[in-house]
N, C-alpha and C. Protein backbone atom coordinates (compact mmCIF):
# COMPACT_ATOMS: atom_id res chain seq x y z
N UNK A 1 22.43 -20.51 -2.94
CA UNK A 1 21.11 -20.55 -3.65
C UNK A 1 19.96 -20.33 -2.58
N UNK A 2 20.41 -20.59 -1.44
CA UNK A 2 19.32 -20.60 -0.27
C UNK A 2 19.17 -19.02 0.15
N UNK A 3 20.44 -18.55 0.06
CA UNK A 3 20.37 -16.84 0.47
C UNK A 3 19.66 -16.12 -0.61
N UNK A 4 19.71 -16.59 -1.60
CA UNK A 4 19.18 -15.85 -2.81
C UNK A 4 17.48 -16.08 -3.02
N UNK A 5 17.48 -17.40 -2.71
CA UNK A 5 15.60 -17.73 -2.49
C UNK A 5 15.05 -16.92 -1.47
N UNK A 6 15.73 -16.65 -0.38
CA UNK A 6 15.10 -15.96 0.65
C UNK A 6 14.99 -14.48 0.52
N UNK A 7 16.26 -13.90 -0.10
CA UNK A 7 16.05 -12.34 -0.69
C UNK A 7 14.66 -12.41 -1.81
N UNK A 8 14.69 -13.13 -2.61
CA UNK A 8 13.67 -13.24 -3.12
C UNK A 8 12.25 -13.19 -2.78
N UNK A 9 12.07 -14.42 -2.19
CA UNK A 9 10.73 -14.33 -1.44
C UNK A 9 10.50 -13.16 -0.45
N UNK A 10 11.28 -12.76 0.12
CA UNK A 10 11.13 -11.57 0.76
C UNK A 10 10.96 -10.21 0.13
N UNK A 11 11.92 -9.99 -1.21
CA UNK A 11 11.68 -9.10 -1.57
C UNK A 11 10.44 -8.86 -2.78
N UNK A 12 9.92 -9.98 -3.26
CA UNK A 12 8.91 -10.03 -4.10
C UNK A 12 7.48 -9.77 -3.24
N UNK A 13 7.50 -10.31 -2.07
CA UNK A 13 6.50 -10.40 -1.33
C UNK A 13 6.34 -8.89 -0.69
N UNK A 14 7.13 -8.29 -0.61
CA UNK A 14 7.15 -6.63 -0.07
C UNK A 14 6.87 -5.99 -1.40
N UNK A 15 7.77 -6.46 -2.53
CA UNK A 15 7.14 -5.60 -3.66
C UNK A 15 5.79 -5.52 -4.01
N UNK A 16 4.84 -6.30 -3.87
CA UNK A 16 3.42 -6.45 -3.93
C UNK A 16 2.80 -5.58 -3.18
N UNK A 17 3.17 -5.54 -1.62
CA UNK A 17 2.52 -4.83 -0.71
C UNK A 17 2.76 -3.26 -1.06
N UNK A 18 3.96 -3.00 -1.64
CA UNK A 18 4.25 -1.61 -1.79
C UNK A 18 3.68 -1.23 -3.21
N UNK A 19 3.56 -2.02 -4.13
CA UNK A 19 2.78 -1.65 -5.22
C UNK A 19 1.09 -1.38 -4.89
N UNK A 20 0.58 -1.75 -3.82
CA UNK A 20 -0.60 -1.98 -3.40
C UNK A 20 -1.11 -0.40 -2.78
N UNK A 21 -0.81 0.62 -3.76
CA UNK A 21 -0.75 2.05 -3.46
C UNK A 21 -2.00 2.91 -4.16
N UNK A 22 -2.66 2.08 -5.03
CA UNK A 22 -3.93 2.84 -5.55
C UNK A 22 -4.90 1.69 -5.89
N UNK A 23 -6.14 2.16 -6.08
CA UNK A 23 -7.31 1.44 -6.38
C UNK A 23 -6.81 0.43 -7.68
N UNK A 24 -6.74 -0.90 -7.62
CA UNK A 24 -6.49 -2.08 -8.70
C UNK A 24 -5.27 -2.30 -8.84
N UNK A 25 -4.06 -1.40 -8.64
CA UNK A 25 -2.60 -1.60 -8.92
C UNK A 25 -2.44 -2.99 -8.38
N UNK A 26 -2.30 -3.39 -7.28
CA UNK A 26 -1.84 -4.55 -6.82
C UNK A 26 -2.44 -6.13 -7.68
N UNK A 27 -3.85 -5.75 -7.65
CA UNK A 27 -4.63 -7.16 -8.05
C UNK A 27 -4.54 -6.94 -9.55
N UNK A 28 -4.51 -5.74 -10.13
CA UNK A 28 -4.42 -5.99 -11.71
C UNK A 28 -3.02 -6.39 -12.05
N UNK A 29 -1.73 -5.90 -11.38
CA UNK A 29 -0.46 -6.21 -11.81
C UNK A 29 -0.37 -7.92 -11.49
N UNK A 30 -0.83 -8.31 -10.38
CA UNK A 30 -0.72 -9.66 -9.87
C UNK A 30 -1.29 -11.03 -10.94
N UNK A 31 -2.74 -10.21 -11.36
CA UNK A 31 -3.48 -10.91 -12.19
C UNK A 31 -2.66 -11.13 -13.68
N UNK A 32 -1.96 -10.20 -14.11
CA UNK A 32 -1.31 -10.23 -15.54
C UNK A 32 -0.14 -10.97 -14.98
N UNK A 33 0.75 -10.87 -14.05
CA UNK A 33 1.76 -11.48 -13.76
C UNK A 33 1.56 -13.20 -13.65
N UNK A 34 0.34 -13.59 -12.82
CA UNK A 34 -0.09 -14.92 -12.71
C UNK A 34 -0.46 -15.37 -13.89
N UNK A 35 -1.19 -14.64 -14.88
CA UNK A 35 -1.61 -15.04 -16.16
C UNK A 35 -0.18 -15.51 -17.01
N UNK A 36 0.82 -14.80 -16.84
CA UNK A 36 2.10 -14.99 -17.74
C UNK A 36 2.71 -16.30 -17.27
N UNK A 37 2.69 -16.35 -16.14
CA UNK A 37 3.18 -17.30 -15.24
C UNK A 37 2.40 -18.87 -15.81
N UNK A 38 1.10 -18.43 -15.90
CA UNK A 38 0.34 -19.60 -16.23
C UNK A 38 0.63 -20.30 -17.95
N UNK A 39 0.69 -19.10 -18.38
CA UNK A 39 0.87 -19.33 -20.07
C UNK A 39 2.41 -20.02 -20.31
N UNK A 40 3.36 -19.44 -19.58
CA UNK A 40 4.41 -20.19 -19.56
C UNK A 40 4.56 -21.74 -19.10
N UNK A 41 3.70 -21.91 -18.16
CA UNK A 41 3.82 -23.31 -18.02
C UNK A 41 2.55 -24.18 -18.65
N UNK A 42 1.90 -23.62 -19.69
CA UNK A 42 1.16 -24.08 -20.45
C UNK A 42 1.91 -24.73 -21.66
N UNK A 43 2.79 -23.72 -22.21
CA UNK A 43 4.10 -23.98 -23.21
C UNK A 43 4.98 -25.06 -22.65
N UNK A 44 5.17 -25.69 -21.69
CA UNK A 44 6.03 -26.50 -21.18
C UNK A 44 6.37 -27.85 -22.23
N UNK A 45 7.62 -27.96 -22.52
CA UNK A 45 7.30 -29.36 -23.49
C UNK A 45 6.81 -30.60 -23.18
N UNK A 46 6.80 -30.58 -21.61
CA UNK A 46 6.03 -32.02 -21.13
C UNK A 46 4.68 -31.82 -20.83
N UNK A 47 4.20 -30.66 -21.29
CA UNK A 47 3.01 -30.29 -21.07
C UNK A 47 2.61 -29.43 -19.84
N UNK A 48 1.57 -28.99 -19.41
CA UNK A 48 1.43 -28.04 -18.23
C UNK A 48 2.20 -28.54 -17.03
N UNK A 49 2.81 -27.62 -16.64
CA UNK A 49 3.33 -28.03 -14.96
C UNK A 49 2.41 -27.56 -14.00
N UNK A 50 2.72 -28.13 -12.90
CA UNK A 50 1.77 -28.17 -11.60
C UNK A 50 1.81 -26.58 -11.29
N UNK A 51 2.82 -25.96 -11.09
CA UNK A 51 2.58 -24.55 -10.64
C UNK A 51 2.01 -23.51 -11.50
N UNK A 52 1.66 -23.97 -12.65
CA UNK A 52 0.93 -23.25 -13.82
C UNK A 52 -0.51 -23.24 -13.18
N UNK A 53 -1.03 -24.60 -12.84
CA UNK A 53 -2.42 -24.38 -12.17
C UNK A 53 -2.60 -23.49 -11.24
N UNK A 54 -1.52 -23.51 -10.32
CA UNK A 54 -1.71 -22.72 -9.15
C UNK A 54 -1.87 -21.30 -9.74
N UNK A 55 -1.03 -20.82 -10.62
CA UNK A 55 -1.08 -19.51 -10.95
C UNK A 55 -1.97 -19.10 -11.85
N UNK A 56 -2.54 -19.92 -12.63
CA UNK A 56 -4.02 -19.88 -13.50
C UNK A 56 -5.11 -19.60 -12.38
N UNK A 57 -5.32 -20.54 -11.23
CA UNK A 57 -6.17 -20.09 -10.06
C UNK A 57 -6.07 -18.82 -9.55
N UNK A 58 -4.75 -18.53 -9.46
CA UNK A 58 -4.41 -17.07 -8.48
C UNK A 58 -4.98 -16.10 -9.66
N UNK A 59 -4.71 -16.12 -10.88
CA UNK A 59 -4.94 -15.01 -11.86
C UNK A 59 -6.36 -14.93 -12.20
N UNK A 60 -7.25 -16.19 -11.77
CA UNK A 60 -8.64 -16.18 -12.08
C UNK A 60 -9.07 -15.52 -10.59
N UNK A 61 -8.93 -15.76 -9.63
CA UNK A 61 -9.35 -15.24 -8.17
C UNK A 61 -9.08 -13.87 -8.57
N UNK A 62 -7.85 -13.38 -8.82
CA UNK A 62 -7.66 -11.66 -8.75
C UNK A 62 -8.51 -11.09 -9.72
N UNK A 63 -8.62 -11.71 -11.08
CA UNK A 63 -9.53 -11.14 -12.11
C UNK A 63 -11.04 -10.85 -11.19
N UNK A 64 -11.36 -11.97 -10.52
CA UNK A 64 -12.63 -11.89 -10.09
C UNK A 64 -12.83 -10.89 -9.21
N UNK A 65 -11.71 -10.38 -8.09
CA UNK A 65 -11.48 -9.60 -7.17
C UNK A 65 -11.24 -7.95 -7.71
N UNK A 66 -10.47 -7.79 -8.83
CA UNK A 66 -10.18 -6.65 -9.52
C UNK A 66 -11.58 -6.27 -10.17
N UNK A 67 -12.53 -6.90 -10.15
CA UNK A 67 -13.73 -5.94 -10.38
C UNK A 67 -14.46 -5.10 -9.19
N UNK A 68 -14.01 -5.70 -8.24
CA UNK A 68 -14.66 -4.62 -6.75
C UNK A 68 -13.28 -3.82 -6.57
N UNK A 69 -12.14 -4.21 -7.02
CA UNK A 69 -11.43 -3.34 -6.49
C UNK A 69 -10.61 -2.27 -7.49
N UNK A 70 -11.12 -2.47 -8.82
CA UNK A 70 -10.73 -1.13 -9.74
C UNK A 70 -11.53 0.20 -9.47
N UNK A 71 -10.87 1.13 -9.75
CA UNK A 71 -11.26 2.56 -9.28
C UNK A 71 -12.80 2.97 -9.88
N UNK A 72 -13.58 3.14 -9.02
CA UNK A 72 -13.26 3.49 -7.37
C UNK A 72 -13.81 2.00 -6.83
N UNK A 73 -12.74 1.78 -6.05
CA UNK A 73 -12.57 0.36 -5.17
C UNK A 73 -13.85 0.39 -4.01
N UNK A 74 -14.50 -0.92 -4.11
CA UNK A 74 -15.20 -1.07 -2.90
C UNK A 74 -15.18 -1.93 -2.30
N UNK A 75 -13.96 -2.70 -1.93
CA UNK A 75 -13.16 -3.70 -1.34
C UNK A 75 -11.86 -3.63 -1.70
N UNK A 76 -10.95 -3.83 -0.84
CA UNK A 76 -9.69 -3.68 -0.68
C UNK A 76 -8.81 -4.87 -0.19
N UNK A 77 -7.55 -4.90 -0.84
CA UNK A 77 -6.65 -6.20 -0.18
C UNK A 77 -6.08 -5.94 1.04
N UNK A 78 -5.72 -4.62 1.52
CA UNK A 78 -4.81 -4.36 2.68
C UNK A 78 -3.52 -5.53 2.72
N UNK A 79 -2.81 -4.90 3.59
CA UNK A 79 -1.60 -5.65 3.77
C UNK A 79 -1.73 -7.39 3.54
N UNK A 80 -2.69 -7.74 4.26
CA UNK A 80 -2.62 -9.60 4.46
C UNK A 80 -3.00 -9.71 2.63
N UNK A 81 -3.62 -9.30 2.06
CA UNK A 81 -3.98 -9.48 0.65
C UNK A 81 -2.98 -9.41 -0.21
N UNK A 82 -2.19 -8.31 -0.12
CA UNK A 82 -1.01 -7.94 -1.01
C UNK A 82 0.13 -8.75 -0.64
N UNK A 83 0.57 -8.86 0.70
CA UNK A 83 1.57 -9.94 1.04
C UNK A 83 1.20 -11.40 0.44
N UNK A 84 -0.09 -11.77 0.87
CA UNK A 84 -0.41 -13.24 0.14
C UNK A 84 0.14 -13.05 -1.12
N UNK A 85 -0.53 -12.38 -2.23
CA UNK A 85 -0.17 -12.21 -3.76
C UNK A 85 1.15 -12.21 -3.70
N UNK A 86 2.08 -11.56 -3.51
CA UNK A 86 3.34 -11.26 -3.63
C UNK A 86 4.18 -12.67 -3.19
N UNK A 87 3.72 -13.31 -2.00
CA UNK A 87 4.31 -14.33 -1.85
C UNK A 87 3.96 -15.60 -2.45
N UNK A 88 2.54 -15.76 -3.03
CA UNK A 88 2.58 -16.65 -4.16
C UNK A 88 3.08 -16.66 -5.42
N UNK A 89 3.30 -15.49 -5.70
CA UNK A 89 4.16 -15.23 -6.94
C UNK A 89 5.61 -15.00 -6.93
N UNK A 90 5.92 -15.03 -5.79
CA UNK A 90 7.53 -15.23 -5.42
C UNK A 90 7.80 -16.55 -5.29
N UNK A 91 6.71 -17.47 -4.91
CA UNK A 91 7.15 -18.79 -5.01
C UNK A 91 6.82 -19.60 -6.42
N UNK A 92 5.49 -19.29 -7.06
CA UNK A 92 5.17 -19.49 -8.43
C UNK A 92 6.32 -19.39 -9.43
N UNK A 93 6.66 -18.24 -9.77
CA UNK A 93 7.46 -17.74 -10.98
C UNK A 93 8.48 -18.67 -10.84
N UNK A 94 9.59 -18.87 -9.89
CA UNK A 94 10.84 -19.74 -9.91
C UNK A 94 10.20 -21.31 -10.15
N UNK A 95 9.17 -21.54 -9.46
CA UNK A 95 8.65 -22.91 -9.52
C UNK A 95 8.28 -23.34 -10.99
N UNK A 96 7.82 -22.38 -11.98
CA UNK A 96 7.40 -22.70 -13.32
C UNK A 96 8.49 -22.77 -14.16
N UNK A 97 9.83 -21.47 -13.77
CA UNK A 97 10.72 -21.41 -14.57
C UNK A 97 11.41 -23.01 -14.41
N UNK A 98 11.65 -23.72 -13.09
CA UNK A 98 12.36 -24.53 -12.72
C UNK A 98 11.85 -25.81 -13.51
N UNK A 99 10.36 -25.88 -13.28
CA UNK A 99 9.74 -26.95 -13.91
C UNK A 99 9.84 -26.89 -15.41
N UNK A 100 9.47 -25.96 -16.21
CA UNK A 100 9.23 -25.74 -17.32
C UNK A 100 10.46 -25.77 -18.39
N UNK A 101 11.65 -25.16 -17.98
CA UNK A 101 12.68 -24.81 -18.40
C UNK A 101 13.83 -26.01 -18.28
N UNK A 102 14.11 -26.49 -19.31
CA UNK A 102 15.36 -27.46 -19.36
C UNK A 102 16.34 -26.63 -20.20
N UNK A 103 16.83 -25.51 -19.45
CA UNK A 103 17.53 -24.68 -20.38
C UNK A 103 18.68 -23.93 -19.34
N UNK A 104 19.50 -23.00 -20.25
CA UNK A 104 20.58 -22.34 -19.16
C UNK A 104 20.10 -21.86 -17.89
N UNK A 105 20.89 -21.71 -16.85
CA UNK A 105 20.54 -21.29 -15.54
C UNK A 105 20.09 -19.44 -15.69
N UNK A 106 20.76 -18.81 -16.81
CA UNK A 106 20.20 -17.45 -16.99
C UNK A 106 18.41 -17.41 -17.63
N UNK A 107 18.28 -18.43 -17.85
CA UNK A 107 16.80 -18.47 -18.19
C UNK A 107 15.81 -18.50 -17.02
N UNK A 108 16.39 -19.43 -16.04
CA UNK A 108 15.92 -19.43 -14.77
C UNK A 108 15.62 -18.23 -13.88
N UNK A 109 16.52 -17.37 -14.29
CA UNK A 109 16.52 -15.90 -13.43
C UNK A 109 15.47 -15.04 -14.40
N UNK A 110 15.72 -15.04 -15.81
CA UNK A 110 15.27 -14.09 -16.46
C UNK A 110 13.71 -14.37 -16.61
N UNK A 111 13.29 -15.57 -16.42
CA UNK A 111 11.85 -15.65 -16.55
C UNK A 111 10.88 -14.95 -15.27
N UNK A 112 11.22 -15.37 -14.16
CA UNK A 112 10.60 -14.68 -13.17
C UNK A 112 11.11 -13.19 -12.81
N UNK A 113 12.03 -12.73 -13.17
CA UNK A 113 12.49 -11.30 -13.19
C UNK A 113 11.82 -10.47 -14.11
N UNK A 114 11.53 -11.22 -15.45
CA UNK A 114 10.87 -10.56 -16.33
C UNK A 114 9.21 -10.36 -15.96
N UNK A 115 8.49 -11.24 -15.58
CA UNK A 115 7.18 -11.31 -15.23
C UNK A 115 6.93 -10.34 -14.14
N UNK A 116 7.94 -10.41 -13.19
CA UNK A 116 7.51 -9.46 -12.01
C UNK A 116 8.13 -8.05 -12.08
N UNK A 117 8.68 -7.63 -13.59
CA UNK A 117 9.43 -6.33 -13.52
C UNK A 117 8.66 -5.31 -12.79
N UNK A 118 7.84 -5.04 -13.14
CA UNK A 118 7.22 -3.83 -12.73
C UNK A 118 7.05 -3.76 -11.10
N UNK A 119 6.53 -4.47 -10.41
CA UNK A 119 6.48 -4.36 -8.98
C UNK A 119 8.15 -4.54 -8.41
N UNK A 120 9.21 -5.37 -9.19
CA UNK A 120 10.54 -5.21 -8.90
C UNK A 120 11.14 -3.80 -9.07
N UNK A 121 10.74 -3.12 -10.23
CA UNK A 121 11.22 -1.76 -10.63
C UNK A 121 10.49 -0.95 -9.74
N UNK A 122 9.16 -0.71 -9.19
CA UNK A 122 9.14 0.22 -8.57
C UNK A 122 9.42 0.13 -6.93
N UNK A 123 9.70 -0.74 -6.54
CA UNK A 123 10.51 -1.23 -5.34
C UNK A 123 11.72 -0.89 -5.53
N UNK A 124 12.47 -1.00 -6.25
CA UNK A 124 13.88 -0.48 -6.38
C UNK A 124 13.98 0.94 -6.57
N UNK A 125 13.08 1.58 -7.50
CA UNK A 125 13.02 2.88 -7.52
C UNK A 125 12.71 3.56 -6.24
N UNK A 126 11.66 3.19 -5.40
CA UNK A 126 11.13 3.93 -4.11
C UNK A 126 12.27 3.56 -2.93
N UNK A 127 13.08 2.49 -3.16
CA UNK A 127 13.94 2.37 -2.31
C UNK A 127 15.13 3.08 -2.21
N UNK A 128 15.61 3.24 -3.59
CA UNK A 128 16.94 4.14 -3.88
C UNK A 128 16.51 5.64 -3.62
N UNK A 129 15.31 5.93 -4.20
CA UNK A 129 15.03 7.35 -3.80
C UNK A 129 14.76 7.69 -2.36
N UNK A 130 14.24 6.83 -1.58
CA UNK A 130 13.99 7.35 -0.13
C UNK A 130 15.53 7.41 0.30
N UNK A 131 16.42 6.22 -0.05
CA UNK A 131 17.68 6.31 0.62
C UNK A 131 18.51 7.58 0.00
N UNK A 132 18.52 7.75 -1.00
CA UNK A 132 19.04 9.23 -1.47
C UNK A 132 18.67 10.34 -0.79
N UNK A 133 17.22 10.52 -0.25
CA UNK A 133 16.91 11.86 0.23
C UNK A 133 16.71 11.43 1.70
N UNK A 134 17.81 10.29 2.23
CA UNK A 134 18.03 10.27 3.75
C UNK A 134 16.80 9.85 4.30
N UNK A 135 16.08 9.19 3.87
CA UNK A 135 14.54 8.67 4.58
C UNK A 135 14.80 7.13 4.67
N UNK A 136 14.23 6.42 5.37
CA UNK A 136 14.25 4.94 5.53
C UNK A 136 13.20 4.59 4.49
N UNK A 137 13.41 3.60 3.85
CA UNK A 137 12.78 2.74 2.70
C UNK A 137 11.42 2.17 3.18
N UNK A 138 11.35 2.00 4.72
CA UNK A 138 10.49 1.26 5.08
C UNK A 138 9.09 2.58 5.52
N UNK A 139 9.21 3.64 5.37
CA UNK A 139 8.38 4.88 5.86
C UNK A 139 7.52 5.06 4.25
N UNK A 140 6.26 5.06 4.43
CA UNK A 140 5.50 5.61 3.66
C UNK A 140 5.66 6.69 2.74
N UNK A 141 4.89 7.00 1.69
CA UNK A 141 5.33 8.24 0.88
C UNK A 141 4.63 7.94 -0.39
N UNK A 142 4.43 8.90 -1.18
CA UNK A 142 3.91 9.09 -2.49
C UNK A 142 5.02 9.16 -3.65
N UNK A 143 5.97 8.26 -3.57
CA UNK A 143 7.03 8.38 -4.63
C UNK A 143 7.11 7.23 -5.39
N UNK A 144 6.06 6.46 -5.32
CA UNK A 144 6.01 5.03 -6.22
C UNK A 144 5.53 5.37 -7.82
N UNK A 145 5.83 4.56 -8.75
CA UNK A 145 5.78 4.98 -10.25
C UNK A 145 4.33 5.02 -10.08
N UNK A 146 3.36 4.58 -9.73
CA UNK A 146 1.79 5.22 -9.91
C UNK A 146 1.76 6.70 -9.77
N UNK A 147 2.21 7.11 -8.15
CA UNK A 147 2.21 8.29 -7.91
C UNK A 147 3.21 9.37 -8.93
N UNK A 148 3.94 8.99 -9.28
CA UNK A 148 4.75 9.63 -10.18
C UNK A 148 4.18 10.03 -11.56
N UNK A 149 3.49 9.02 -11.86
CA UNK A 149 2.62 9.20 -13.40
C UNK A 149 1.39 10.10 -12.99
N UNK A 150 0.74 10.15 -11.93
CA UNK A 150 -0.20 11.23 -11.30
C UNK A 150 0.39 12.25 -11.31
N UNK A 151 1.72 12.73 -11.16
CA UNK A 151 2.28 13.94 -10.88
C UNK A 151 2.36 14.50 -12.22
N UNK A 152 2.64 13.55 -13.25
CA UNK A 152 2.98 13.65 -14.67
C UNK A 152 1.61 14.16 -15.40
N UNK A 153 0.33 14.05 -15.03
CA UNK A 153 -0.86 14.59 -15.41
C UNK A 153 -1.90 13.34 -15.68
N UNK A 154 -1.55 12.30 -15.42
CA UNK A 154 -2.27 11.20 -15.66
C UNK A 154 -3.15 11.15 -14.62
N UNK A 155 -4.54 10.22 -14.78
CA UNK A 155 -5.35 10.15 -13.57
C UNK A 155 -4.80 9.01 -13.04
N UNK A 156 -5.66 8.68 -11.75
CA UNK A 156 -5.02 7.43 -11.15
C UNK A 156 -5.53 6.22 -11.70
N UNK A 157 -6.72 6.39 -12.57
CA UNK A 157 -7.08 5.26 -13.40
C UNK A 157 -5.82 4.81 -14.28
N UNK A 158 -5.53 5.92 -15.35
CA UNK A 158 -4.78 5.87 -16.21
C UNK A 158 -3.14 5.52 -15.80
N UNK A 159 -2.84 5.99 -14.87
CA UNK A 159 -1.52 5.37 -14.06
C UNK A 159 -1.58 4.10 -13.81
N UNK A 160 -2.48 3.44 -13.40
CA UNK A 160 -2.57 1.82 -12.94
C UNK A 160 -2.87 1.16 -14.44
N UNK A 161 -3.40 1.75 -15.24
CA UNK A 161 -3.59 1.31 -16.77
C UNK A 161 -2.27 1.10 -17.48
N UNK A 162 -1.31 2.13 -17.15
CA UNK A 162 -0.02 2.16 -17.70
C UNK A 162 0.93 0.88 -16.86
N UNK A 163 0.45 0.76 -15.38
CA UNK A 163 1.34 -0.55 -14.81
C UNK A 163 1.00 -1.76 -15.38
N UNK A 164 -0.38 -1.72 -15.88
CA UNK A 164 -1.02 -3.06 -16.32
C UNK A 164 -0.18 -3.25 -17.89
N UNK A 165 -0.29 -2.08 -18.62
CA UNK A 165 0.54 -2.33 -19.84
C UNK A 165 1.79 -2.79 -19.87
N UNK A 166 2.46 -2.04 -18.98
CA UNK A 166 4.01 -2.34 -18.59
C UNK A 166 4.35 -3.58 -18.13
N UNK A 167 3.20 -4.39 -17.37
CA UNK A 167 3.30 -5.77 -16.60
C UNK A 167 2.93 -6.48 -18.07
N UNK A 168 1.95 -6.16 -18.81
CA UNK A 168 1.73 -6.94 -19.81
C UNK A 168 2.86 -7.28 -20.72
N UNK A 169 3.50 -6.20 -21.25
CA UNK A 169 4.77 -5.96 -21.91
C UNK A 169 5.85 -7.05 -21.35
N UNK A 170 6.10 -6.86 -20.04
CA UNK A 170 7.09 -7.72 -19.65
C UNK A 170 6.64 -9.01 -19.59
N UNK A 171 5.44 -9.51 -19.36
CA UNK A 171 4.94 -10.84 -19.11
C UNK A 171 5.31 -11.51 -20.92
N UNK A 172 4.63 -10.45 -21.62
CA UNK A 172 4.86 -11.26 -23.00
C UNK A 172 6.32 -11.41 -23.41
N UNK A 173 7.36 -10.49 -22.99
CA UNK A 173 8.58 -10.80 -23.21
C UNK A 173 9.27 -11.90 -22.50
N UNK A 174 8.69 -12.12 -21.30
CA UNK A 174 8.95 -13.44 -20.40
C UNK A 174 8.71 -14.74 -21.37
N UNK A 175 7.39 -14.66 -21.69
CA UNK A 175 6.63 -15.67 -22.51
C UNK A 175 7.51 -16.05 -23.95
N UNK A 176 8.01 -14.68 -24.59
CA UNK A 176 8.84 -14.96 -25.84
C UNK A 176 10.14 -15.38 -25.55
N UNK A 177 10.69 -14.70 -24.44
CA UNK A 177 12.26 -15.60 -24.20
C UNK A 177 12.06 -17.18 -24.02
N UNK A 178 10.95 -17.31 -22.98
CA UNK A 178 10.70 -18.67 -23.05
C UNK A 178 10.69 -19.86 -24.53
N UNK A 179 9.60 -19.09 -25.19
CA UNK A 179 9.39 -19.65 -26.46
C UNK A 179 10.85 -19.80 -27.40
N UNK A 180 11.62 -18.99 -27.05
CA UNK A 180 12.74 -19.16 -28.27
C UNK A 180 14.14 -19.82 -27.65
N UNK A 181 13.97 -20.01 -26.06
CA UNK A 181 14.71 -20.88 -25.43
C UNK A 181 15.27 -21.98 -26.06
N UNK A 182 16.78 -22.34 -26.59
CA UNK A 182 17.17 -23.55 -26.99
C UNK A 182 16.83 -24.60 -26.26
N UNK A 183 16.15 -25.50 -26.72
CA UNK A 183 15.84 -26.76 -25.80
C UNK A 183 14.85 -26.90 -24.96
N UNK A 184 14.21 -25.74 -24.92
CA UNK A 184 12.89 -25.56 -23.94
C UNK A 184 11.89 -26.20 -24.48
């Protein structure tokens, strides 16, 4: 479990750094993911769990920041900001799942993965695509999900809104899974 936890923390932290490639992408996806975590915590049978308060605070802070970070951005997260968001969500998602779920181990894995599905997918896609083309995964590029949407004809704003919609669907799925878990 310790090795898996370390992989999760490093992977999700870096996934948010990688998704910070267009105005508002990281902050918006982080806002929605944090709000989803807060919602799951709110529905906990014993009442709201502690990690939910942190998630709600993060969602609020990111929503306030997003006003200035959405296209055309006036301020930016940078690596420090995106890594901080990723690290907090990497710690909060399993924290809420552990505190709020008195259910099978599969639910403890499903909730964090669903909530963070968009950054996980983007990072996996980029890593696999770069490896297959003989490039290092750590080298920058324009092969992220948002960039691919722009190449398909979406504006940058619409591409980011698609990421928001997908994150919202994944967050809603996580909440739905949590609400139908037997014994939760």
